[in-house]
């Protein structure tokens, strides 16, 4: 029984997101490197860049990962910048930490596609090559308050900001 992990998003969503950026989305899709832990005690799964890019000082960039995450309903996946990118290059996530909820997986708007937004706070360019580790993902359990008031009939239909009332 599957409990938690990563999958590629569907090719149709991948192609729609990347066809203007790369000549062969099929080749890129087939060559994607899946997240992995670097050591047996690593908490985070390294996420690898599917594209080469550079980020100038003071600038922002949103990077598609081609990934979605599945997990149990009482879990979430957090996305963090790699420690080395923060310490060595002044790179931060634009939203500080990304939270991937269990119901984000395979939502009808974007198939649960994980996008990562970076900001360069340094005075030098950050250069990334395809397949470089750019972020890390950690699965967590969470607790509910005694007065939890979620709506059991509500359903996620998108990504960032999609649950605003």
C-alpha atoms as a PDB file:
ATOM      1  CA  UNK A   1       0.000   0.000   0.000  1.00  0.00           C
ATOM      2  CA  UNK A   2       1.371   3.412  -0.993  1.00  0.00           C
ATOM      3  CA  UNK A   3       1.836   5.850   1.861  1.00  0.00           C
ATOM      4  CA  UNK A   4       3.885   8.792   0.650  1.00  0.00           C
ATOM      5  CA  UNK A   5       6.201   9.651  -2.191  1.00  0.00           C
ATOM      6  CA  UNK A   6       6.721  11.548  -5.410  1.00  0.00           C
ATOM      7  CA  UNK A   7       5.540  11.041  -8.977  1.00  0.00           C
ATOM      8  CA  UNK A   8       5.900  12.901 -12.216  1.00  0.00           C
ATOM      9  CA  UNK A   9       2.910  15.073 -13.075  1.00  0.00           C
ATOM     10  CA  UNK A  10       0.968  13.938 -16.124  1.00  0.00           C
ATOM     11  CA  UNK A  11       2.705  14.639 -19.417  1.00  0.00           C
ATOM     12  CA  UNK A  12      -0.143  16.829 -20.699  1.00  0.00           C
ATOM     13  CA  UNK A  13       0.269  19.264 -17.757  1.00  0.00           C
ATOM     14  CA  UNK A  14       4.076  19.075 -18.048  1.00  0.00           C
ATOM     15  CA  UNK A  15       4.004  19.836 -21.769  1.00  0.00           C
ATOM     16  CA  UNK A  16       1.612  22.781 -21.316  1.00  0.00           C
ATOM     17  CA  UNK A  17       3.847  24.302 -18.609  1.00  0.00           C
ATOM     18  CA  UNK A  18       7.186  23.840 -20.385  1.00  0.00           C
ATOM     19  CA  UNK A  19       6.632  23.766 -24.158  1.00  0.00           C
ATOM     20  CA  UNK A  20       7.607  27.448 -24.537  1.00  0.00           C
ATOM     21  CA  UNK A  21      10.845  26.971 -22.549  1.00  0.00           C
ATOM     22  CA  UNK A  22      12.333  23.807 -24.030  1.00  0.00           C
ATOM     23  CA  UNK A  23      12.457  22.283 -27.522  1.00  0.00           C
ATOM     24  CA  UNK A  24      11.599  18.688 -26.522  1.00  0.00           C
ATOM     25  CA  UNK A  25       9.328  18.340 -23.524  1.00  0.00           C
ATOM     26  CA  UNK A  26       9.003  14.564 -24.071  1.00  0.00           C
ATOM     27  CA  UNK A  27      12.763  14.062 -23.797  1.00  0.00           C
ATOM     28  CA  UNK A  28      12.932  16.312 -20.724  1.00  0.00           C
ATOM     29  CA  UNK A  29      10.002  14.477 -19.102  1.00  0.00           C
ATOM     30  CA  UNK A  30      11.609  11.081 -19.678  1.00  0.00           C
ATOM     31  CA  UNK A  31      14.956  12.230 -18.232  1.00  0.00           C
ATOM     32  CA  UNK A  32      13.630  13.790 -15.010  1.00  0.00           C
ATOM     33  CA  UNK A  33      15.535  12.790 -11.902  1.00  0.00           C
ATOM     34  CA  UNK A  34      13.209  11.806  -9.046  1.00  0.00           C
ATOM     35  CA  UNK A  35      13.741  13.115  -5.488  1.00  0.00           C
ATOM     36  CA  UNK A  36      16.080  11.108  -3.277  1.00  0.00           C
ATOM     37  CA  UNK A  37      17.726  11.282   0.123  1.00  0.00           C
ATOM     38  CA  UNK A  38      21.490  11.811   0.059  1.00  0.00           C
ATOM     39  CA  UNK A  39      22.226   9.657   3.127  1.00  0.00           C
ATOM     40  CA  UNK A  40      20.402   7.134   5.307  1.00  0.00           C
ATOM     41  CA  UNK A  41      19.852   9.829   7.967  1.00  0.00           C
ATOM     42  CA  UNK A  42      18.755  12.654   5.657  1.00  0.00           C
ATOM     43  CA  UNK A  43      15.327  14.019   6.590  1.00  0.00           C
ATOM     44  CA  UNK A  44      14.888  15.752   3.253  1.00  0.00           C
ATOM     45  CA  UNK A  45      14.502  14.401  -0.251  1.00  0.00           C
ATOM     46  CA  UNK A  46      16.635  16.412  -2.664  1.00  0.00           C
ATOM     47  CA  UNK A  47      14.646  17.921  -5.520  1.00  0.00           C
ATOM     48  CA  UNK A  48      16.626  18.244  -8.730  1.00  0.00           C
ATOM     49  CA  UNK A  49      16.257  20.977 -11.303  1.00  0.00           C
ATOM     50  CA  UNK A  50      14.735  19.861 -14.591  1.00  0.00           C
ATOM     51  CA  UNK A  51      16.170  22.966 -16.307  1.00  0.00           C
ATOM     52  CA  UNK A  52      19.423  24.901 -16.308  1.00  0.00           C
ATOM     53  CA  UNK A  53      18.929  28.485 -15.131  1.00  0.00           C
ATOM     54  CA  UNK A  54      20.634  31.410 -13.464  1.00  0.00           C
ATOM     55  CA  UNK A  55      19.263  33.841 -10.913  1.00  0.00           C
ATOM     56  CA  UNK A  56      20.744  37.346 -10.779  1.00  0.00           C
ATOM     57  CA  UNK A  57      21.215  39.213  -7.492  1.00  0.00           C
ATOM     58  CA  UNK A  58      17.981  40.722  -6.174  1.00  0.00           C
ATOM     59  CA  UNK A  59      15.832  38.766  -8.637  1.00  0.00           C
ATOM     60  CA  UNK A  60      13.158  36.064  -8.296  1.00  0.00           C
ATOM     61  CA  UNK A  61      12.413  32.977 -10.358  1.00  0.00           C
ATOM     62  CA  UNK A  62       9.732  30.277 -10.334  1.00  0.00           C
ATOM     63  CA  UNK A  63      11.020  26.843 -11.273  1.00  0.00           C
ATOM     64  CA  UNK A  64       8.701  24.004 -12.322  1.00  0.00           C
ATOM     65  CA  UNK A  65       9.717  20.639 -10.872  1.00  0.00           C
ATOM     66  CA  UNK A  66       7.507  18.313 -12.918  1.00  0.00           C
ATOM     67  CA  UNK A  67       6.672  16.598  -9.609  1.00  0.00           C
ATOM     68  CA  UNK A  68       3.676  15.970  -7.418  1.00  0.00           C
ATOM     69  CA  UNK A  69       3.657  14.443  -3.927  1.00  0.00           C
ATOM     70  CA  UNK A  70       1.222  11.944  -2.464  1.00  0.00           C
ATOM     71  CA  UNK A  71       0.802  11.285   1.254  1.00  0.00           C
ATOM     72  CA  UNK A  72      -1.671  10.259   3.927  1.00  0.00           C
ATOM     73  CA  UNK A  73      -4.480  12.704   4.655  1.00  0.00           C
ATOM     74  CA  UNK A  74      -2.966  13.740   8.038  1.00  0.00           C
ATOM     75  CA  UNK A  75       0.395  14.625   6.502  1.00  0.00           C
ATOM     76  CA  UNK A  76       1.955  17.418   4.478  1.00  0.00           C
ATOM     77  CA  UNK A  77       5.194  17.884   2.608  1.00  0.00           C
ATOM     78  CA  UNK A  78       7.328  20.950   3.283  1.00  0.00           C
ATOM     79  CA  UNK A  79       9.683  22.406   0.682  1.00  0.00           C
ATOM     80  CA  UNK A  80      12.885  24.102   1.861  1.00  0.00           C
ATOM     81  CA  UNK A  81      15.844  25.677   0.161  1.00  0.00           C
ATOM     82  CA  UNK A  82      18.962  23.532   0.408  1.00  0.00           C
ATOM     83  CA  UNK A  83      21.193  24.700   3.258  1.00  0.00           C
ATOM     84  CA  UNK A  84      24.169  25.153   0.938  1.00  0.00           C
ATOM     85  CA  UNK A  85      22.187  27.448  -1.382  1.00  0.00           C
ATOM     86  CA  UNK A  86      21.223  29.651   1.561  1.00  0.00           C
ATOM     87  CA  UNK A  87      24.639  29.755   3.227  1.00  0.00           C
ATOM     88  CA  UNK A  88      26.875  29.904   0.157  1.00  0.00           C
ATOM     89  CA  UNK A  89      24.698  31.848  -2.274  1.00  0.00           C
ATOM     90  CA  UNK A  90      22.109  33.834  -0.267  1.00  0.00           C
ATOM     91  CA  UNK A  91      19.223  31.949  -1.898  1.00  0.00           C
ATOM     92  CA  UNK A  92      15.849  31.764  -0.138  1.00  0.00           C
ATOM     93  CA  UNK A  93      12.418  30.497  -1.005  1.00  0.00           C
ATOM     94  CA  UNK A  94      10.222  33.420  -1.948  1.00  0.00           C
ATOM     95  CA  UNK A  95       7.462  32.135   0.375  1.00  0.00           C
ATOM     96  CA  UNK A  96       9.955  31.087   3.123  1.00  0.00           C
ATOM     97  CA  UNK A  97       8.704  27.491   3.193  1.00  0.00           C
ATOM     98  CA  UNK A  98       6.413  25.670   0.805  1.00  0.00           C
ATOM     99  CA  UNK A  99       3.569  23.609   2.247  1.00  0.00           C
ATOM    100  CA  UNK A 100       2.158  20.863   0.033  1.00  0.00           C
ATOM    101  CA  UNK A 101      -1.155  19.618   1.446  1.00  0.00           C
ATOM    102  CA  UNK A 102      -2.300  16.045   0.887  1.00  0.00           C
ATOM    103  CA  UNK A 103      -5.282  17.218  -1.186  1.00  0.00           C
ATOM    104  CA  UNK A 104      -3.030  19.144  -3.585  1.00  0.00           C
ATOM    105  CA  UNK A 105      -2.138  15.822  -5.236  1.00  0.00           C
ATOM    106  CA  UNK A 106      -3.794  15.397  -8.654  1.00  0.00           C
ATOM    107  CA  UNK A 107      -6.069  18.440  -8.273  1.00  0.00           C
ATOM    108  CA  UNK A 108      -7.892  19.171 -11.513  1.00  0.00           C
ATOM    109  CA  UNK A 109      -6.290  22.565 -12.193  1.00  0.00           C
ATOM    110  CA  UNK A 110      -2.612  21.557 -12.260  1.00  0.00           C
ATOM    111  CA  UNK A 111      -2.329  17.856 -11.284  1.00  0.00           C
ATOM    112  CA  UNK A 112      -0.554  18.855  -8.037  1.00  0.00           C
ATOM    113  CA  UNK A 113       2.476  20.299  -9.843  1.00  0.00           C
ATOM    114  CA  UNK A 114       5.050  21.554  -7.339  1.00  0.00           C
ATOM    115  CA  UNK A 115       6.573  24.895  -8.325  1.00  0.00           C
ATOM    116  CA  UNK A 116       9.435  26.434  -6.350  1.00  0.00           C
ATOM    117  CA  UNK A 117      10.025  30.209  -6.182  1.00  0.00           C
ATOM    118  CA  UNK A 118      13.513  31.416  -5.285  1.00  0.00           C
ATOM    119  CA  UNK A 119      14.935  34.856  -4.417  1.00  0.00           C
ATOM    120  CA  UNK A 120      18.625  35.736  -4.667  1.00  0.00           C
ATOM    121  CA  UNK A 121      19.617  37.918  -1.685  1.00  0.00           C
ATOM    122  CA  UNK A 122      23.323  37.883  -2.533  1.00  0.00           C
ATOM    123  CA  UNK A 123      25.497  40.065  -4.736  1.00  0.00           C
ATOM    124  CA  UNK A 124      26.374  37.271  -7.171  1.00  0.00           C
ATOM    125  CA  UNK A 125      24.562  35.169  -9.727  1.00  0.00           C
ATOM    126  CA  UNK A 126      23.298  31.701  -8.722  1.00  0.00           C
ATOM    127  CA  UNK A 127      23.910  29.264 -11.574  1.00  0.00           C
ATOM    128  CA  UNK A 128      22.110  25.920 -11.716  1.00  0.00           C
ATOM    129  CA  UNK A 129      22.541  23.138 -14.238  1.00  0.00           C
ATOM    130  CA  UNK A 130      19.905  20.512 -15.065  1.00  0.00           C
ATOM    131  CA  UNK A 131      19.901  17.776 -12.404  1.00  0.00           C
ATOM    132  CA  UNK A 132      21.517  19.974  -9.704  1.00  0.00           C
ATOM    133  CA  UNK A 133      19.784  19.633  -6.318  1.00  0.00           C
ATOM    134  CA  UNK A 134      17.912  22.900  -5.698  1.00  0.00           C
ATOM    135  CA  UNK A 135      15.563  22.234  -2.770  1.00  0.00           C
ATOM    136  CA  UNK A 136      14.543  19.560  -0.318  1.00  0.00           C
ATOM    137  CA  UNK A 137      11.186  18.089   0.618  1.00  0.00           C
ATOM    138  CA  UNK A 138      10.272  16.675   4.027  1.00  0.00           C
ATOM    139  CA  UNK A 139       7.121  14.720   4.896  1.00  0.00           C
ATOM    140  CA  UNK A 140       5.431  15.527   8.239  1.00  0.00           C
ATOM    141  CA  UNK A 141       2.422  14.443  10.304  1.00  0.00           C
ATOM    142  CA  UNK A 142       0.213  17.195  11.702  1.00  0.00           C
ATOM    143  CA  UNK A 143      -2.288  17.476  14.539  1.00  0.00           C
ATOM    144  CA  UNK A 144      -5.777  18.987  14.621  1.00  0.00           C
ATOM    145  CA  UNK A 145      -7.100  21.353  17.253  1.00  0.00           C
ATOM    146  CA  UNK A 146     -10.038  20.432  19.495  1.00  0.00           C
ATOM    147  CA  UNK A 147     -12.184  22.964  17.667  1.00  0.00           C
ATOM    148  CA  UNK A 148     -11.200  22.086  14.124  1.00  0.00           C
ATOM    149  CA  UNK A 149     -13.832  23.461  11.717  1.00  0.00           C
ATOM    150  CA  UNK A 150     -12.812  22.308   8.241  1.00  0.00           C
ATOM    151  CA  UNK A 151     -15.588  21.790   5.743  1.00  0.00           C
ATOM    152  CA  UNK A 152     -15.664  18.085   4.821  1.00  0.00           C
ATOM    153  CA  UNK A 153     -17.321  18.900   1.492  1.00  0.00           C
ATOM    154  CA  UNK A 154     -14.718  21.453   0.369  1.00  0.00           C
ATOM    155  CA  UNK A 155     -12.410  20.317  -2.416  1.00  0.00           C
ATOM    156  CA  UNK A 156      -9.140  21.825  -3.624  1.00  0.00           C
ATOM    157  CA  UNK A 157      -9.154  22.965  -7.241  1.00  0.00           C
ATOM    158  CA  UNK A 158      -5.794  24.648  -7.606  1.00  0.00           C
ATOM    159  CA  UNK A 159      -2.565  25.742  -6.066  1.00  0.00           C
ATOM    160  CA  UNK A 160      -1.280  28.836  -4.320  1.00  0.00           C
ATOM    161  CA  UNK A 161      -4.161  30.814  -2.806  1.00  0.00           C
ATOM    162  CA  UNK A 162      -6.813  28.336  -3.949  1.00  0.00           C
ATOM    163  CA  UNK A 163      -8.303  27.811  -0.482  1.00  0.00           C
ATOM    164  CA  UNK A 164      -8.960  31.509   0.281  1.00  0.00           C
ATOM    165  CA  UNK A 165     -12.501  32.225   1.375  1.00  0.00           C
END
